[in-house]
C-alpha atoms as a PDB file:
ATOM      1  CA  MET A   1      67.031  78.825 154.723  1.00  0.00           C
ATOM      2  CA  SER A   2      64.575  76.057 154.012  1.00  0.00           C
ATOM      3  CA  LEU A   3      65.090  73.672 151.100  1.00  0.00           C
ATOM      4  CA  GLU A   4      62.133  75.271 149.268  1.00  0.00           C
ATOM      5  CA  GLY A   5      63.756  78.677 149.665  1.00  0.00           C
ATOM      6  CA  GLN A   6      67.087  77.421 148.344  1.00  0.00           C
ATOM      7  CA  ILE A   7      65.404  75.927 145.269  1.00  0.00           C
ATOM      8  CA  GLU A   8      63.495  79.149 144.526  1.00  0.00           C
ATOM      9  CA  LYS A   9      66.602  81.273 144.994  1.00  0.00           C
ATOM     10  CA  LEU A  10      68.574  78.978 142.689  1.00  0.00           C
ATOM     11  CA  ARG A  11      65.849  79.162 140.018  1.00  0.00           C
ATOM     12  CA  SER A  12      65.780  82.990 140.157  1.00  0.00           C
ATOM     13  CA  GLN A  13      69.553  83.236 139.952  1.00  0.00           C
ATOM     14  CA  PHE A  14      69.651  80.848 136.986  1.00  0.00           C
ATOM     15  CA  LEU A  15      66.952  82.738 135.058  1.00  0.00           C
ATOM     16  CA  GLU A  16      68.779  86.018 135.622  1.00  0.00           C
ATOM     17  CA  GLU A  17      72.038  84.618 134.225  1.00  0.00           C
ATOM     18  CA  LEU A  18      70.193  82.880 131.382  1.00  0.00           C
ATOM     19  CA  ASP A  19      68.708  86.229 130.281  1.00  0.00           C
ATOM     20  CA  SER A  20      72.190  87.720 130.033  1.00  0.00           C
ATOM     21  CA  ALA A  21      73.567  84.824 127.901  1.00  0.00           C
ATOM     22  CA  SER A  22      74.333  86.104 124.379  1.00  0.00           C
ATOM     23  CA  SER A  23      76.180  83.196 122.749  1.00  0.00           C
ATOM     24  CA  SER A  24      76.203  79.433 122.608  1.00  0.00           C
ATOM     25  CA  LYS A  25      79.445  79.495 124.619  1.00  0.00           C
ATOM     26  CA  ASP A  26      77.653  81.351 127.431  1.00  0.00           C
ATOM     27  CA  VAL A  27      74.904  78.705 127.450  1.00  0.00           C
ATOM     28  CA  ASP A  28      77.448  75.861 127.558  1.00  0.00           C
ATOM     29  CA  ALA A  29      79.163  77.564 130.492  1.00  0.00           C
ATOM     30  CA  LEU A  30      75.828  77.879 132.372  1.00  0.00           C
ATOM     31  CA  LYS A  31      75.075  74.217 131.770  1.00  0.00           C
ATOM     32  CA  VAL A  32      78.386  73.146 133.282  1.00  0.00           C
ATOM     33  CA  ARG A  33      78.033  75.578 136.201  1.00  0.00           C
ATOM     34  CA  TYR A  34      74.466  74.637 137.233  1.00  0.00           C
ATOM     35  CA  LEU A  35      74.026  71.036 136.093  1.00  0.00           C
ATOM     36  CA  GLY A  36      77.567  69.747 136.483  1.00  0.00           C
ATOM     37  CA  LYS A  37      78.576  67.214 139.113  1.00  0.00           C
ATOM     38  CA  LYS A  38      79.798  70.012 141.383  1.00  0.00           C
ATOM     39  CA  GLY A  39      76.963  72.419 140.528  1.00  0.00           C
ATOM     40  CA  PRO A  40      74.333  73.828 142.910  1.00  0.00           C
ATOM     41  CA  VAL A  41      71.519  71.558 141.657  1.00  0.00           C
ATOM     42  CA  GLN A  42      73.541  68.465 142.466  1.00  0.00           C
ATOM     43  CA  SER A  43      74.459  69.983 145.839  1.00  0.00           C
ATOM     44  CA  LEU A  44      70.767  70.149 146.794  1.00  0.00           C
ATOM     45  CA  MET A  45      70.696  66.358 146.879  1.00  0.00           C
ATOM     46  CA  ILE A  46      72.974  66.432 149.931  1.00  0.00           C
ATOM     47  CA  HIS A  47      70.210  68.056 152.013  1.00  0.00           C
ATOM     48  CA  LEU A  48      67.871  65.115 151.483  1.00  0.00           C
ATOM     49  CA  LYS A  49      69.633  63.203 154.244  1.00  0.00           C
ATOM     50  CA  ASP A  50      68.369  65.773 156.746  1.00  0.00           C
ATOM     51  CA  LEU A  51      64.710  65.174 155.802  1.00  0.00           C
ATOM     52  CA  SER A  52      62.331  62.587 157.134  1.00  0.00           C
ATOM     53  CA  LYS A  53      61.572  59.450 155.147  1.00  0.00           C
ATOM     54  CA  GLU A  54      58.188  60.906 154.184  1.00  0.00           C
ATOM     55  CA  GLU A  55      59.682  64.186 152.896  1.00  0.00           C
ATOM     56  CA  ARG A  56      62.575  62.726 150.899  1.00  0.00           C
ATOM     57  CA  PRO A  57      60.527  61.429 147.918  1.00  0.00           C
ATOM     58  CA  GLN A  58      58.653  64.705 147.600  1.00  0.00           C
ATOM     59  CA  PHE A  59      61.726  66.936 147.669  1.00  0.00           C
ATOM     60  CA  GLY A  60      63.670  64.499 145.485  1.00  0.00           C
ATOM     61  CA  LYS A  61      60.940  64.892 142.867  1.00  0.00           C
ATOM     62  CA  ILE A  62      61.088  68.701 143.171  1.00  0.00           C
ATOM     63  CA  ILE A  63      64.876  68.705 142.654  1.00  0.00           C
ATOM     64  CA  ASN A  64      64.613  66.442 139.576  1.00  0.00           C
ATOM     65  CA  GLU A  65      61.899  68.676 138.123  1.00  0.00           C
ATOM     66  CA  LEU A  66      64.157  71.714 138.687  1.00  0.00           C
ATOM     67  CA  LYS A  67      66.987  69.915 136.946  1.00  0.00           C
ATOM     68  CA  GLN A  68      64.768  69.068 133.949  1.00  0.00           C
ATOM     69  CA  GLU A  69      63.421  72.638 133.852  1.00  0.00           C
ATOM     70  CA  LEU A  70      66.905  74.156 133.753  1.00  0.00           C
ATOM     71  CA  ALA A  71      68.085  71.673 131.134  1.00  0.00           C
ATOM     72  CA  SER A  72      65.052  72.393 128.945  1.00  0.00           C
ATOM     73  CA  GLN A  73      65.559  76.162 129.075  1.00  0.00           C
ATOM     74  CA  LEU A  74      69.257  75.780 128.359  1.00  0.00           C
ATOM     75  CA  GLU A  75      68.552  73.562 125.344  1.00  0.00           C
ATOM     76  CA  SER A  76      65.926  75.939 123.991  1.00  0.00           C
ATOM     77  CA  LEU A  77      68.177  78.984 124.234  1.00  0.00           C
ATOM     78  CA  LEU A  78      71.154  77.037 122.836  1.00  0.00           C
ATOM     79  CA  THR A  79      69.177  76.039 119.759  1.00  0.00           C
ATOM     80  CA  LYS A  80      68.081  79.619 119.139  1.00  0.00           C
ATOM     81  CA  LEU A  81      71.538  81.125 119.591  1.00  0.00           C
ATOM     82  CA  SER A  82      73.223  78.415 117.481  1.00  0.00           C
ATOM     83  CA  GLU A  83      70.838  79.080 114.604  1.00  0.00           C
ATOM     84  CA  ASN A  84      71.536  82.821 114.806  1.00  0.00           C
ATOM     85  CA  GLU A  85      75.298  82.245 114.888  1.00  0.00           C
ATOM     86  CA  LEU A  86      75.123  79.888 111.910  1.00  0.00           C
ATOM     87  CA  ALA A  87      73.076  82.417 109.915  1.00  0.00           C
ATOM     88  CA  ALA A  88      75.594  85.155 110.726  1.00  0.00           C
ATOM     89  CA  ARG A  89      78.450  82.880 109.708  1.00  0.00           C
ATOM     90  CA  PHE A  90      76.800  82.066 106.388  1.00  0.00           C
ATOM     91  CA  LEU A  91      76.313  85.777 105.788  1.00  0.00           C
ATOM     92  CA  ASN A  92      79.979  86.562 106.508  1.00  0.00           C
ATOM     93  CA  GLU A  93      81.357  83.593 104.574  1.00  0.00           C
ATOM     94  CA  LYS A  94      79.024  83.641 101.605  1.00  0.00           C
ATOM     95  CA  ILE A  95      80.572  82.908  98.217  1.00  0.00           C
ATOM     96  CA  ASP A  96      79.804  84.757  95.024  1.00  0.00           C
ATOM     97  CA  VAL A  97      79.198  81.800  92.718  1.00  0.00           C
ATOM     98  CA  THR A  98      79.353  84.098  89.681  1.00  0.00           C
ATOM     99  CA  LEU A  99      83.080  84.705  90.241  1.00  0.00           C
ATOM    100  CA  PRO A 100      85.432  82.596  88.078  1.00  0.00           C
ATOM    101  CA  GLY A 101      87.128  79.729  89.914  1.00  0.00           C
ATOM    102  CA  ARG A 102      90.829  79.660  90.697  1.00  0.00           C
ATOM    103  CA  LYS A 103      92.700  77.163  88.558  1.00  0.00           C
ATOM    104  CA  GLU A 104      94.992  74.866  90.477  1.00  0.00           C
ATOM    105  CA  PRO A 105      98.179  73.990  88.592  1.00  0.00           C
ATOM    106  CA  LEU A 106      98.400  70.345  87.549  1.00  0.00           C
ATOM    107  CA  GLY A 107     101.485  68.319  88.264  1.00  0.00           C
ATOM    108  CA  LYS A 108     103.682  67.248  85.379  1.00  0.00           C
ATOM    109  CA  GLU A 109     106.219  64.544  84.746  1.00  0.00           C
ATOM    110  CA  HIS A 110     109.799  65.644  85.199  1.00  0.00           C
ATOM    111  CA  PRO A 111     111.533  65.957  81.796  1.00  0.00           C
ATOM    112  CA  ILE A 112     113.890  63.113  82.755  1.00  0.00           C
ATOM    113  CA  ASN A 113     110.908  60.836  83.428  1.00  0.00           C
ATOM    114  CA  GLN A 114     109.331  61.910  80.147  1.00  0.00           C
ATOM    115  CA  VAL A 115     112.388  60.874  78.156  1.00  0.00           C
ATOM    116  CA  LEU A 116     112.935  57.739  80.249  1.00  0.00           C
ATOM    117  CA  ASN A 117     109.343  56.559  79.776  1.00  0.00           C
ATOM    118  CA  LYS A 118     109.487  57.308  76.055  1.00  0.00           C
ATOM    119  CA  ALA A 119     112.678  55.248  75.719  1.00  0.00           C
ATOM    120  CA  ILE A 120     111.102  52.379  77.684  1.00  0.00           C
ATOM    121  CA  ASP A 121     108.010  52.451  75.440  1.00  0.00           C
ATOM    122  CA  ILE A 122     110.133  52.389  72.270  1.00  0.00           C
ATOM    123  CA  LEU A 123     112.287  49.486  73.454  1.00  0.00           C
ATOM    124  CA  SER A 124     109.261  47.593  74.784  1.00  0.00           C
ATOM    125  CA  ASP A 125     107.707  47.854  71.319  1.00  0.00           C
ATOM    126  CA  MET A 126     110.963  46.459  69.932  1.00  0.00           C
ATOM    127  CA  GLY A 127     110.512  43.324  72.041  1.00  0.00           C
ATOM    128  CA  PHE A 128     112.465  44.134  75.224  1.00  0.00           C
ATOM    129  CA  SER A 129     111.015  43.370  78.648  1.00  0.00           C
ATOM    130  CA  VAL A 130     111.757  45.564  81.675  1.00  0.00           C
ATOM    131  CA  GLU A 131     113.754  44.423  84.718  1.00  0.00           C
ATOM    132  CA  TYR A 132     114.768  46.487  87.756  1.00  0.00           C
ATOM    133  CA  GLY A 133     117.729  46.135  90.095  1.00  0.00           C
ATOM    134  CA  PRO A 134     118.653  47.594  93.514  1.00  0.00           C
ATOM    135  CA  ASP A 135     120.336  50.988  93.939  1.00  0.00           C
ATOM    136  CA  VAL A 136     122.467  49.546  96.740  1.00  0.00           C
ATOM    137  CA  GLU A 137     124.382  46.669  95.174  1.00  0.00           C
ATOM    138  CA  SER A 138     127.026  44.122  96.096  1.00  0.00           C
ATOM    139  CA  ASP A 139     130.501  44.351  94.635  1.00  0.00           C
ATOM    140  CA  TYR A 140     129.894  41.038  92.864  1.00  0.00           C
ATOM    141  CA  TYR A 141     126.919  42.090  90.726  1.00  0.00           C
ATOM    142  CA  ASN A 142     128.261  45.605  90.090  1.00  0.00           C
ATOM    143  CA  PHE A 143     131.866  44.650  89.299  1.00  0.00           C
ATOM    144  CA  GLU A 144     133.159  41.107  89.778  1.00  0.00           C
ATOM    145  CA  GLY A 145     130.382  39.308  87.895  1.00  0.00           C
ATOM    146  CA  LEU A 146     130.841  41.779  85.029  1.00  0.00           C
ATOM    147  CA  ASN A 147     134.513  40.869  84.567  1.00  0.00           C
ATOM    148  CA  PHE A 148     136.017  43.899  86.331  1.00  0.00           C
ATOM    149  CA  ASP A 149     139.539  43.177  87.538  1.00  0.00           C
ATOM    150  CA  ALA A 150     140.252  43.665  91.229  1.00  0.00           C
ATOM    151  CA  ASP A 151     142.476  46.661  90.415  1.00  0.00           C
ATOM    152  CA  HIS A 152     140.174  48.246  87.821  1.00  0.00           C
ATOM    153  CA  PRO A 153     140.079  52.067  88.257  1.00  0.00           C
ATOM    154  CA  ALA A 154     136.253  52.073  88.426  1.00  0.00           C
ATOM    155  CA  ARG A 155     136.479  50.316  91.802  1.00  0.00           C
ATOM    156  CA  ASP A 156     138.454  53.174  93.341  1.00  0.00           C
ATOM    157  CA  MET A 157     136.896  55.606  95.780  1.00  0.00           C
ATOM    158  CA  GLN A 158     137.204  58.476  93.275  1.00  0.00           C
ATOM    159  CA  ASP A 159     134.613  56.790  91.039  1.00  0.00           C
ATOM    160  CA  THR A 160     132.419  54.746  93.368  1.00  0.00           C
ATOM    161  CA  PHE A 161     130.397  55.556  96.499  1.00  0.00           C
ATOM    162  CA  TYR A 162     131.126  52.640  98.852  1.00  0.00           C
ATOM    163  CA  ILE A 163     128.808  51.888 101.755  1.00  0.00           C
ATOM    164  CA  SER A 164     131.019  49.098 103.082  1.00  0.00           C
ATOM    165  CA  ALA A 165     133.771  46.864 101.740  1.00  0.00           C
ATOM    166  CA  ASP A 166     131.198  44.690  99.981  1.00  0.00           C
ATOM    167  CA  TYR A 167     128.321  47.104  99.194  1.00  0.00           C
ATOM    168  CA  LEU A 168     128.104  50.293  97.166  1.00  0.00           C
ATOM    169  CA  LEU A 169     125.752  52.599  95.274  1.00  0.00           C
ATOM    170  CA  ARG A 170     125.557  51.029  91.831  1.00  0.00           C
ATOM    171  CA  THR A 171     127.608  52.789  89.156  1.00  0.00           C
ATOM    172  CA  HIS A 172     125.488  51.475  86.266  1.00  0.00           C
ATOM    173  CA  THR A 173     122.333  49.451  85.672  1.00  0.00           C
ATOM    174  CA  SER A 174     124.541  46.709  84.248  1.00  0.00           C
ATOM    175  CA  ASN A 175     124.139  45.127  87.687  1.00  0.00           C
ATOM    176  CA  VAL A 176     120.876  43.687  86.330  1.00  0.00           C
ATOM    177  CA  GLN A 177     122.690  41.576  83.703  1.00  0.00           C
ATOM    178  CA  VAL A 178     123.980  38.709  85.833  1.00  0.00           C
ATOM    179  CA  ARG A 179     120.916  38.846  88.097  1.00  0.00           C
ATOM    180  CA  THR A 180     118.654  38.314  85.052  1.00  0.00           C
ATOM    181  CA  MET A 181     120.815  35.536  83.574  1.00  0.00           C
ATOM    182  CA  GLU A 182     120.644  33.656  86.871  1.00  0.00           C
ATOM    183  CA  LYS A 183     116.838  33.461  86.767  1.00  0.00           C
ATOM    184  CA  GLN A 184     116.065  33.369  83.015  1.00  0.00           C
ATOM    185  CA  ASN A 185     117.112  31.097  80.183  1.00  0.00           C
ATOM    186  CA  PRO A 186     117.921  32.419  76.686  1.00  0.00           C
ATOM    187  CA  PRO A 187     116.542  33.967  74.624  1.00  0.00           C
ATOM    188  CA  ILE A 188     116.779  36.983  76.934  1.00  0.00           C
ATOM    189  CA  ARG A 189     115.864  40.452  75.674  1.00  0.00           C
ATOM    190  CA  VAL A 190     115.834  42.894  78.595  1.00  0.00           C
ATOM    191  CA  ILE A 191     116.192  46.584  79.399  1.00  0.00           C
ATOM    192  CA  ALA A 192     117.041  47.811  82.907  1.00  0.00           C
ATOM    193  CA  PRO A 193     116.191  51.464  83.651  1.00  0.00           C
ATOM    194  CA  GLY A 194     117.180  53.149  86.904  1.00  0.00           C
ATOM    195  CA  ARG A 195     119.384  55.557  88.834  1.00  0.00           C
ATOM    196  CA  CYS A 196     123.172  55.322  88.994  1.00  0.00           C
ATOM    197  CA  PHE A 197     125.769  57.031  91.186  1.00  0.00           C
ATOM    198  CA  ARG A 198     129.371  58.003  90.468  1.00  0.00           C
ATOM    199  CA  ASN A 199     131.788  60.148  92.414  1.00  0.00           C
ATOM    200  CA  GLU A 200     132.485  62.610  89.592  1.00  0.00           C
ATOM    201  CA  THR A 201     132.981  66.346  89.305  1.00  0.00           C
ATOM    202  CA  ILE A 202     129.662  68.068  88.606  1.00  0.00           C
ATOM    203  CA  SER A 203     129.741  69.991  85.338  1.00  0.00           C
ATOM    204  CA  ALA A 204     127.516  70.882  82.384  1.00  0.00           C
ATOM    205  CA  ARG A 205     127.966  67.306  81.091  1.00  0.00           C
ATOM    206  CA  SER A 206     128.132  65.109  84.203  1.00  0.00           C
ATOM    207  CA  HIS A 207     126.640  64.695  87.668  1.00  0.00           C
ATOM    208  CA  VAL A 208     127.111  62.493  90.729  1.00  0.00           C
ATOM    209  CA  PHE A 209     123.816  60.747  90.053  1.00  0.00           C
ATOM    210  CA  PHE A 210     122.057  60.130  86.777  1.00  0.00           C
ATOM    211  CA  HIS A 211     119.634  57.773  85.063  1.00  0.00           C
ATOM    212  CA  GLN A 212     120.544  54.985  82.691  1.00  0.00           C
ATOM    213  CA  ILE A 213     118.985  52.251  80.588  1.00  0.00           C
ATOM    214  CA  GLU A 214     120.931  49.033  80.280  1.00  0.00           C
ATOM    215  CA  GLY A 215     119.834  46.800  77.422  1.00  0.00           C
ATOM    216  CA  PHE A 216     121.005  43.340  76.443  1.00  0.00           C
ATOM    217  CA  TYR A 217     119.977  40.503  74.160  1.00  0.00           C
ATOM    218  CA  ILE A 218     121.226  36.924  74.516  1.00  0.00           C
ATOM    219  CA  ASP A 219     120.410  34.103  72.111  1.00  0.00           C
ATOM    220  CA  LYS A 220     122.041  31.806  69.606  1.00  0.00           C
ATOM    221  CA  HIS A 221     123.836  33.539  66.722  1.00  0.00           C
ATOM    222  CA  VAL A 222     123.449  37.120  68.048  1.00  0.00           C
ATOM    223  CA  SER A 223     125.912  39.290  66.109  1.00  0.00           C
ATOM    224  CA  PHE A 224     127.515  42.735  66.168  1.00  0.00           C
ATOM    225  CA  LYS A 225     125.311  43.662  63.219  1.00  0.00           C
ATOM    226  CA  ASP A 226     122.205  43.054  65.367  1.00  0.00           C
ATOM    227  CA  LEU A 227     123.532  45.561  67.908  1.00  0.00           C
ATOM    228  CA  ILE A 228     124.207  48.292  65.325  1.00  0.00           C
ATOM    229  CA  VAL A 229     120.789  47.861  63.684  1.00  0.00           C
ATOM    230  CA  THR A 230     119.085  48.039  67.106  1.00  0.00           C
ATOM    231  CA  MET A 231     120.983  51.214  68.011  1.00  0.00           C
ATOM    232  CA  ASP A 232     120.155  52.972  64.737  1.00  0.00           C
ATOM    233  CA  GLU A 233     116.480  52.012  65.015  1.00  0.00           C
ATOM    234  CA  PHE A 234     116.237  53.203  68.611  1.00  0.00           C
ATOM    235  CA  TRP A 235     117.843  56.620  68.040  1.00  0.00           C
ATOM    236  CA  SER A 236     115.680  57.336  65.015  1.00  0.00           C
ATOM    237  CA  LYS A 237     112.506  56.529  66.950  1.00  0.00           C
ATOM    238  CA  LEU A 238     113.564  58.438  70.067  1.00  0.00           C
ATOM    239  CA  LEU A 239     114.598  61.640  68.279  1.00  0.00           C
ATOM    240  CA  GLU A 240     111.843  61.219  65.655  1.00  0.00           C
ATOM    241  CA  LYS A 241     114.137  61.903  62.713  1.00  0.00           C
ATOM    242  CA  ASP A 242     117.004  60.343  60.815  1.00  0.00           C
ATOM    243  CA  VAL A 243     119.985  60.532  63.121  1.00  0.00           C
ATOM    244  CA  LYS A 244     123.647  60.346  62.265  1.00  0.00           C
ATOM    245  CA  THR A 245     125.427  57.867  64.497  1.00  0.00           C
ATOM    246  CA  ARG A 246     129.091  57.103  64.913  1.00  0.00           C
ATOM    247  CA  PHE A 247     130.580  53.944  66.385  1.00  0.00           C
ATOM    248  CA  ARG A 248     134.107  54.055  67.832  1.00  0.00           C
ATOM    249  CA  PRO A 249     136.102  51.096  69.190  1.00  0.00           C
ATOM    250  CA  SER A 250     136.397  51.225  72.967  1.00  0.00           C
ATOM    251  CA  TYR A 251     137.110  49.026  75.963  1.00  0.00           C
ATOM    252  CA  PHE A 252     134.644  47.906  78.636  1.00  0.00           C
ATOM    253  CA  PRO A 253     135.360  44.903  80.883  1.00  0.00           C
ATOM    254  CA  PHE A 254     131.946  43.331  80.303  1.00  0.00           C
ATOM    255  CA  VAL A 255     131.938  43.425  76.468  1.00  0.00           C
ATOM    256  CA  GLU A 256     134.340  42.192  73.779  1.00  0.00           C
ATOM    257  CA  PRO A 257     134.609  43.851  71.341  1.00  0.00           C
ATOM    258  CA  GLY A 258     133.340  47.141  72.738  1.00  0.00           C
ATOM    259  CA  MET A 259     132.432  50.473  71.223  1.00  0.00           C
ATOM    260  CA  GLU A 260     131.291  54.003  72.029  1.00  0.00           C
ATOM    261  CA  VAL A 261     128.095  55.247  70.384  1.00  0.00           C
ATOM    262  CA  ASP A 262     128.022  58.910  69.370  1.00  0.00           C
ATOM    263  CA  VAL A 263     125.098  60.885  67.991  1.00  0.00           C
ATOM    264  CA  HIS A 264     125.375  63.999  65.856  1.00  0.00           C
ATOM    265  CA  CYS A 265     124.908  66.856  68.357  1.00  0.00           C
ATOM    266  CA  THR A 266     121.408  68.248  67.980  1.00  0.00           C
ATOM    267  CA  SER A 267     122.210  71.200  70.236  1.00  0.00           C
ATOM    268  CA  CYS A 268     124.596  72.780  67.717  1.00  0.00           C
ATOM    269  CA  GLU A 269     123.696  70.680  64.654  1.00  0.00           C
ATOM    270  CA  GLY A 270     127.286  69.466  64.507  1.00  0.00           C
ATOM    271  CA  LYS A 271     128.882  72.914  64.473  1.00  0.00           C
ATOM    272  CA  GLY A 272     130.499  72.452  67.870  1.00  0.00           C
ATOM    273  CA  CYS A 273     129.455  73.596  71.360  1.00  0.00           C
ATOM    274  CA  ARG A 274     130.426  72.987  74.991  1.00  0.00           C
ATOM    275  CA  ILE A 275     127.925  70.114  75.236  1.00  0.00           C
ATOM    276  CA  CYS A 276     129.730  68.126  72.520  1.00  0.00           C
ATOM    277  CA  LYS A 277     133.140  69.570  73.510  1.00  0.00           C
ATOM    278  CA  TYR A 278     133.148  71.351  70.155  1.00  0.00           C
ATOM    279  CA  THR A 279     133.422  68.088  68.245  1.00  0.00           C
ATOM    280  CA  GLY A 280     129.921  68.038  66.755  1.00  0.00           C
ATOM    281  CA  TRP A 281     129.295  64.600  68.331  1.00  0.00           C
ATOM    282  CA  LEU A 282     127.825  63.619  71.680  1.00  0.00           C
ATOM    283  CA  GLU A 283     128.687  60.320  73.351  1.00  0.00           C
ATOM    284  CA  VAL A 284     125.412  58.658  74.373  1.00  0.00           C
ATOM    285  CA  ALA A 285     126.146  54.970  74.961  1.00  0.00           C
ATOM    286  CA  GLY A 286     128.738  52.308  75.557  1.00  0.00           C
ATOM    287  CA  ALA A 287     128.050  48.992  73.859  1.00  0.00           C
ATOM    288  CA  GLY A 288     129.489  45.725  72.583  1.00  0.00           C
ATOM    289  CA  MET A 289     129.206  41.952  72.544  1.00  0.00           C
ATOM    290  CA  ILE A 290     128.765  40.474  76.020  1.00  0.00           C
ATOM    291  CA  HIS A 291     132.053  39.066  77.290  1.00  0.00           C
ATOM    292  CA  PRO A 292     132.119  35.235  77.601  1.00  0.00           C
ATOM    293  CA  GLU A 293     133.157  35.550  81.267  1.00  0.00           C
ATOM    294  CA  VAL A 294     130.004  37.556  82.000  1.00  0.00           C
ATOM    295  CA  LEU A 295     127.873  34.885  80.355  1.00  0.00           C
ATOM    296  CA  LYS A 296     129.606  32.292  82.521  1.00  0.00           C
ATOM    297  CA  SER A 297     128.894  34.370  85.651  1.00  0.00           C
ATOM    298  CA  GLY A 298     125.213  34.211  84.747  1.00  0.00           C
ATOM    299  CA  GLY A 299     125.313  30.453  84.172  1.00  0.00           C
ATOM    300  CA  ILE A 300     125.078  30.657  80.353  1.00  0.00           C
ATOM    301  CA  ASP A 301     127.371  28.659  78.045  1.00  0.00           C
ATOM    302  CA  PRO A 302     129.277  31.107  75.766  1.00  0.00           C
ATOM    303  CA  GLU A 303     129.986  28.260  73.341  1.00  0.00           C
ATOM    304  CA  ILE A 304     126.264  28.057  72.571  1.00  0.00           C
ATOM    305  CA  TYR A 305     124.972  31.572  73.155  1.00  0.00           C
ATOM    306  CA  SER A 306     126.149  35.087  72.399  1.00  0.00           C
ATOM    307  CA  GLY A 307     124.703  38.487  73.131  1.00  0.00           C
ATOM    308  CA  TYR A 308     125.089  42.216  72.941  1.00  0.00           C
ATOM    309  CA  ALA A 309     124.686  44.892  75.613  1.00  0.00           C
ATOM    310  CA  TRP A 310     124.640  48.653  75.852  1.00  0.00           C
ATOM    311  CA  GLY A 311     124.153  51.320  78.458  1.00  0.00           C
ATOM    312  CA  MET A 312     122.919  54.837  77.764  1.00  0.00           C
ATOM    313  CA  GLY A 313     122.498  57.888  79.989  1.00  0.00           C
ATOM    314  CA  ILE A 314     118.971  59.320  80.077  1.00  0.00           C
ATOM    315  CA  GLU A 315     120.176  62.826  80.914  1.00  0.00           C
ATOM    316  CA  ARG A 316     122.241  62.806  77.718  1.00  0.00           C
ATOM    317  CA  LEU A 317     119.177  61.667  75.767  1.00  0.00           C
ATOM    318  CA  ALA A 318     117.073  64.423  77.348  1.00  0.00           C
ATOM    319  CA  MET A 319     119.691  67.023  76.468  1.00  0.00           C
ATOM    320  CA  LEU A 320     119.635  65.809  72.867  1.00  0.00           C
ATOM    321  CA  GLN A 321     115.869  65.612  72.548  1.00  0.00           C
ATOM    322  CA  LEU A 322     114.961  68.777  74.478  1.00  0.00           C
ATOM    323  CA  GLY A 323     117.903  70.953  73.528  1.00  0.00           C
ATOM    324  CA  ILE A 324     119.152  71.342  77.131  1.00  0.00           C
ATOM    325  CA  LYS A 325     122.686  72.729  77.409  1.00  0.00           C
ATOM    326  CA  ASP A 326     123.461  72.037  81.081  1.00  0.00           C
ATOM    327  CA  ILE A 327     122.744  68.734  82.872  1.00  0.00           C
ATOM    328  CA  ARG A 328     122.613  70.523  86.241  1.00  0.00           C
ATOM    329  CA  THR A 329     119.316  72.217  85.398  1.00  0.00           C
ATOM    330  CA  PHE A 330     117.523  68.868  85.736  1.00  0.00           C
ATOM    331  CA  THR A 331     118.180  68.741  89.492  1.00  0.00           C
ATOM    332  CA  GLU A 332     117.911  72.409  90.506  1.00  0.00           C
ATOM    333  CA  ASN A 333     114.093  72.293  90.933  1.00  0.00           C
ATOM    334  CA  ASP A 334     113.691  75.635  89.176  1.00  0.00           C
ATOM    335  CA  MET A 335     109.991  75.846  88.301  1.00  0.00           C
ATOM    336  CA  ARG A 336     110.742  78.306  85.501  1.00  0.00           C
ATOM    337  CA  PHE A 337     112.747  75.559  83.828  1.00  0.00           C
ATOM    338  CA  LEU A 338     110.420  72.640  84.620  1.00  0.00           C
ATOM    339  CA  GLU A 339     107.252  74.419  83.479  1.00  0.00           C
ATOM    340  CA  GLN A 340     108.609  74.660  79.949  1.00  0.00           C
ATOM    341  CA  PHE A 341     107.906  70.979  79.355  1.00  0.00           C
ATOM    342  CA  PRO A 342     104.292  69.881  78.749  1.00  0.00           C
END
């Protein structure tokens, strides 16, 4: 068959297939089949080598015109079919704008964060700055620098999660004390919020991880009276009412003298419940005057300066403020529980 015959046959075959195309995908397939590098139009160029020098330009022009013709018809049909498909899609996916919108639930702060942030705001207003320490701490800053003896029970595996012989998950945010003393000169008035970890039995009152705020104040002539006044002021502001507090002598390696701070149980109003162990009081903080050895560890002269320190558990505060009876509910991710708090 002559080259002219091949071109005419190819054109007829293309038009026949183009008429049967019913979607944009069909048109794209035709374009690849006829105008691709291995398509019949490109194959016609091979026959030019068999023509004379005079015929080659003429037939080359005819092949290019065929190529342009096919491309034009493909583009025209593709535009038409694409518009029809888009119109059909709009019709199927149309939205009734008169329907009410679906409300997406907004995220909320976890109740622990709510209480923690409130406590930070109260203490910041009372003149305390905020410092943070690492969750993974060295034995020195967590124990040794805070005057813990080498054989103190708190160092044992039953209380502390050790990562290595020298590093552990901090058991309190008191690890910030010596770190802060090393880089600041008195007067120092700091709170240290954060997570703590202890290898304890999980119950309604305790968990293996919890949140704590460590607070301490170091200056000349700081007294035990300053500590008690600060505690009373803080609890009244946090619980937004006059609160009964009780201070009991206690021992902590990093304070001397030391005391336990109890608050009248707001869950049972002092009548006795499992949260307060049926005593009517809930232990919320350990406190006391900073031990001279701790001041020395931080490079501060205990003959010139004194200070007080306390540490309080945020979960205990949240249980008091929100009336929660079981500390485990804070970590169970039960949306029915969490959605109760605005």
